[in-house]
């Protein structure tokens, strides 16, 4: 099972499928939401 987050909407899902495009795999060392917003 892999978690993905949508780069535009921020929607997070978990799936066994391989997603691409705007869907990005979530790293286990992921930043907090606050850090992600400040980085943009």
C-alpha atoms as a PDB file:
ATOM      1  CA  UNK A   1       0.000   0.000   0.000  1.00  0.00           C
ATOM      2  CA  UNK A   2       1.379   3.374  -1.024  1.00  0.00           C
ATOM      3  CA  UNK A   3       0.143   6.770   0.054  1.00  0.00           C
ATOM      4  CA  UNK A   4      -0.167   9.493  -2.557  1.00  0.00           C
ATOM      5  CA  UNK A   5      -0.948  13.183  -2.229  1.00  0.00           C
ATOM      6  CA  UNK A   6      -2.338  15.298  -5.044  1.00  0.00           C
ATOM      7  CA  UNK A   7       0.020  18.193  -5.791  1.00  0.00           C
ATOM      8  CA  UNK A   8      -2.787  20.660  -6.562  1.00  0.00           C
ATOM      9  CA  UNK A   9      -5.599  19.702  -4.200  1.00  0.00           C
ATOM     10  CA  UNK A  10      -3.630  18.185  -1.319  1.00  0.00           C
ATOM     11  CA  UNK A  11      -5.959  15.182  -1.270  1.00  0.00           C
ATOM     12  CA  UNK A  12      -4.245  12.148   0.230  1.00  0.00           C
ATOM     13  CA  UNK A  13      -5.159   8.560  -0.649  1.00  0.00           C
ATOM     14  CA  UNK A  14      -3.710   5.107  -0.125  1.00  0.00           C
ATOM     15  CA  UNK A  15      -3.750   2.595  -2.968  1.00  0.00           C
ATOM     16  CA  UNK A  16      -2.002  -0.464  -4.324  1.00  0.00           C
ATOM     17  CA  UNK A  17      -2.166   1.056  -7.812  1.00  0.00           C
ATOM     18  CA  UNK A  18       0.684   3.071  -9.292  1.00  0.00           C
ATOM     19  CA  UNK A  19      -0.467   6.632  -9.833  1.00  0.00           C
ATOM     20  CA  UNK A  20       1.216   9.322 -11.889  1.00  0.00           C
ATOM     21  CA  UNK A  21       0.730  12.873 -13.074  1.00  0.00           C
ATOM     22  CA  UNK A  22      -0.243  15.218 -10.240  1.00  0.00           C
ATOM     23  CA  UNK A  23      -0.271  12.326  -7.760  1.00  0.00           C
ATOM     24  CA  UNK A  24       3.002  12.150  -5.843  1.00  0.00           C
ATOM     25  CA  UNK A  25       4.068   9.307  -3.539  1.00  0.00           C
ATOM     26  CA  UNK A  26       4.201  10.382   0.105  1.00  0.00           C
ATOM     27  CA  UNK A  27       7.610   9.865   1.657  1.00  0.00           C
ATOM     28  CA  UNK A  28       7.620   8.472   5.181  1.00  0.00           C
ATOM     29  CA  UNK A  29       9.759  11.444   6.191  1.00  0.00           C
ATOM     30  CA  UNK A  30       7.080  13.829   4.956  1.00  0.00           C
ATOM     31  CA  UNK A  31       6.968  17.417   6.099  1.00  0.00           C
ATOM     32  CA  UNK A  32       4.124  18.866   8.103  1.00  0.00           C
ATOM     33  CA  UNK A  33       1.356  20.725   6.296  1.00  0.00           C
ATOM     34  CA  UNK A  34       2.690  24.025   7.644  1.00  0.00           C
ATOM     35  CA  UNK A  35       6.153  23.366   6.207  1.00  0.00           C
ATOM     36  CA  UNK A  36       4.664  22.388   2.834  1.00  0.00           C
ATOM     37  CA  UNK A  37       2.702  25.649   2.598  1.00  0.00           C
ATOM     38  CA  UNK A  38       5.742  27.749   3.525  1.00  0.00           C
ATOM     39  CA  UNK A  39       7.822  25.966   0.877  1.00  0.00           C
ATOM     40  CA  UNK A  40       5.469  26.976  -1.965  1.00  0.00           C
END
